[in-house]
Protein backbone atom coordinates (compact mmCIF):
# COMPACT_ATOMS: atom_id res chain seq x y z
CA MET A 1 38.09 46.43 55.63
CA ARG A 2 35.99 47.67 58.59
CA GLY A 3 38.92 49.10 60.47
CA VAL A 4 40.28 48.67 63.97
CA ALA A 5 37.95 48.38 66.98
CA VAL A 6 39.08 48.22 70.66
CA ARG A 7 37.23 46.47 73.41
CA ARG A 8 37.86 44.83 76.82
CA ALA A 9 39.55 41.42 76.50
CA ARG A 10 37.55 38.26 77.22
CA GLU A 11 38.69 34.78 78.12
CA ASP A 12 38.20 33.59 74.57
CA ASP A 13 40.80 36.16 73.42
CA LEU A 14 43.62 34.64 75.48
CA ALA A 15 44.96 32.31 72.78
CA ALA A 16 45.37 35.24 70.36
CA ILE A 17 46.87 37.47 72.99
CA VAL A 18 49.38 34.82 74.04
CA ALA A 19 50.31 34.14 70.36
CA ILE A 20 50.99 37.87 69.73
CA GLU A 21 52.98 38.10 73.01
CA ALA A 22 55.12 35.11 72.16
CA ALA A 23 55.84 36.39 68.59
CA THR A 24 56.68 39.91 69.90
CA PHE A 25 58.69 39.58 73.09
CA ALA A 26 61.75 37.44 73.88
CA GLU A 27 60.67 37.35 77.53
CA ALA A 28 57.01 36.64 76.95
CA TRP A 29 54.35 36.64 79.70
CA SER A 30 52.84 33.19 80.32
CA PRO A 31 49.27 32.28 79.38
CA GLU A 32 48.64 31.95 83.14
CA THR A 33 49.73 35.52 83.71
CA PHE A 34 47.31 36.83 81.13
CA ALA A 35 44.51 34.68 82.43
CA SER A 36 45.08 35.94 86.01
CA LEU A 37 44.77 39.57 84.76
CA LEU A 38 41.26 39.23 83.28
CA GLY A 39 38.57 40.37 85.65
CA ARG A 40 40.84 42.08 88.10
CA GLU A 41 39.50 45.38 89.23
CA GLU A 42 42.93 47.07 89.12
CA THR A 43 43.78 45.79 85.67
CA VAL A 44 42.44 46.78 82.26
CA VAL A 45 43.15 44.37 79.46
CA LEU A 46 42.15 45.55 76.03
CA VAL A 47 42.21 43.98 72.57
CA ALA A 48 42.32 45.56 69.15
CA THR A 49 40.35 43.67 66.54
CA GLU A 50 40.09 43.88 62.81
CA GLU A 51 37.16 42.01 61.25
CA GLU A 52 36.64 40.26 64.59
CA ALA A 53 40.23 38.93 64.69
CA VAL A 54 42.41 39.99 67.64
CA ILE A 55 45.40 41.83 66.22
CA GLY A 56 46.79 43.52 69.33
CA TYR A 57 46.32 43.96 73.07
CA GLY A 58 47.19 46.28 75.91
CA VAL A 59 47.48 45.81 79.67
CA VAL A 60 47.13 48.67 82.18
CA VAL A 61 47.65 48.19 85.92
CA ILE A 62 46.21 50.82 88.24
CA ALA A 63 47.32 51.51 91.81
CA GLY A 64 47.06 54.46 94.12
CA GLY A 65 45.77 56.95 91.56
CA GLU A 66 48.46 56.13 89.05
CA ALA A 67 48.74 53.56 86.28
CA GLU A 68 51.35 51.60 84.40
CA LEU A 69 50.95 50.63 80.81
CA ALA A 70 52.48 47.20 81.47
CA ASN A 71 52.21 45.78 78.04
CA LEU A 72 51.14 46.72 74.50
CA ALA A 73 51.68 44.73 71.36
CA VAL A 74 50.30 44.43 67.83
CA SER A 75 50.69 41.47 65.47
CA ALA A 76 53.70 42.05 63.22
CA ALA A 77 51.50 41.57 60.16
CA ARG A 78 49.09 44.35 61.33
CA ARG A 79 51.57 46.99 62.55
CA GLY A 80 51.41 50.45 61.00
CA ARG A 81 47.59 50.36 60.58
CA GLY A 82 46.64 52.27 63.72
CA ALA A 83 45.94 49.34 66.14
CA GLY A 84 48.59 50.50 68.69
CA GLU A 85 47.30 54.07 68.50
CA ALA A 86 43.67 52.83 68.97
CA LEU A 87 44.69 50.74 71.99
CA LEU A 88 46.62 53.61 73.56
CA ARG A 89 43.81 56.10 72.94
CA ARG A 90 41.20 53.76 74.50
CA ALA A 91 43.48 53.02 77.52
CA LEU A 92 43.98 56.69 78.17
CA GLY A 93 40.27 57.31 77.83
CA ILE A 94 39.55 54.73 80.50
CA LEU A 95 42.22 56.28 82.78
CA ARG A 96 40.60 59.69 82.35
CA GLU A 97 37.17 58.23 83.27
CA LEU A 98 38.74 56.67 86.39
CA GLU A 99 40.40 60.03 87.15
CA ILE A 100 43.94 58.58 87.14
CA GLY A 101 46.52 61.31 87.34
CA LEU A 102 49.64 59.71 85.84
CA VAL A 103 50.50 56.80 83.62
CA CYS A 104 54.06 55.46 83.20
CA LEU A 105 55.66 52.76 81.03
CA ALA A 106 58.98 51.22 80.25
CA VAL A 107 60.06 50.76 76.62
CA ARG A 108 63.24 49.67 74.81
CA PRO A 109 65.09 52.64 73.32
CA SER A 110 65.59 50.53 70.18
CA ASN A 111 61.78 50.16 69.77
CA THR A 112 61.44 53.32 67.73
CA GLY A 113 57.93 52.57 66.51
CA ALA A 114 56.66 52.34 70.09
CA THR A 115 58.70 55.31 71.40
CA GLU A 116 57.44 57.48 68.55
CA LEU A 117 53.84 56.46 69.25
CA TYR A 118 54.13 57.26 72.95
CA ARG A 119 55.80 60.64 72.27
CA ARG A 120 53.02 61.56 69.81
CA PHE A 121 50.58 61.04 72.70
CA GLY A 122 52.65 63.36 74.95
CA PHE A 123 54.68 60.90 76.95
CA ARG A 124 57.96 62.33 78.18
CA GLU A 125 61.13 60.53 79.36
CA ILE A 126 61.52 60.70 83.15
CA GLY A 127 64.30 58.23 83.59
CA ARG A 128 65.98 54.98 82.63
CA HIS A 129 66.08 51.49 84.16
CA ARG A 130 69.57 50.19 83.54
CA SER A 131 69.85 46.66 82.21
CA TYR A 132 66.06 46.26 82.45
CA TYR A 133 65.72 43.82 79.59
CA ALA A 134 67.63 40.59 79.53
CA GLU A 135 66.93 39.20 76.05
CA PRO A 136 68.48 40.93 74.31
CA PRO A 137 70.20 43.06 76.97
CA GLU A 138 69.06 46.70 76.96
CA ASP A 139 68.11 49.55 79.21
CA ALA A 140 64.49 50.75 79.38
CA LEU A 141 63.31 54.26 78.90
CA VAL A 142 60.74 55.26 81.54
CA LEU A 143 58.09 57.50 80.00
CA ALA A 144 55.24 59.23 81.78
CA LEU A 145 52.10 61.15 80.88
CA GLU A 146 49.90 63.38 83.01
CA VAL A 147 46.39 62.06 82.25
CA THR A 148 44.24 65.18 82.07
CA ASP A 149 40.98 66.13 80.25
């Protein structure tokens, strides 16, 4: 195996991104949403690949010197192999290059794999969104990280 690589998403990655999204989230984003994000100056869409196959993706939205990690998912069959970490590392690298000061995200408290990953990178809890998720119902932890060199 050649390992995990991360690059900017292209239009031909959309089918794989949408498939991972639908398999991961009960309230999945539509294919049209993902298509509309590609090429936007304020949005960074990344994919993780393994032997050229898309195995994960991340979406970062930038506004006013801050960013939101809006979405990050890895195919269930590929979790635990470093794809999420590689996506997060690359996203943070891009934010540093753009001199973004802060990145925030929302995550289910029950998603221990994701919360542990974010905490390993230094994200700290700054609040909660009550009843943020509808399916299944759950609050969201709001995590933030100062993006510094």
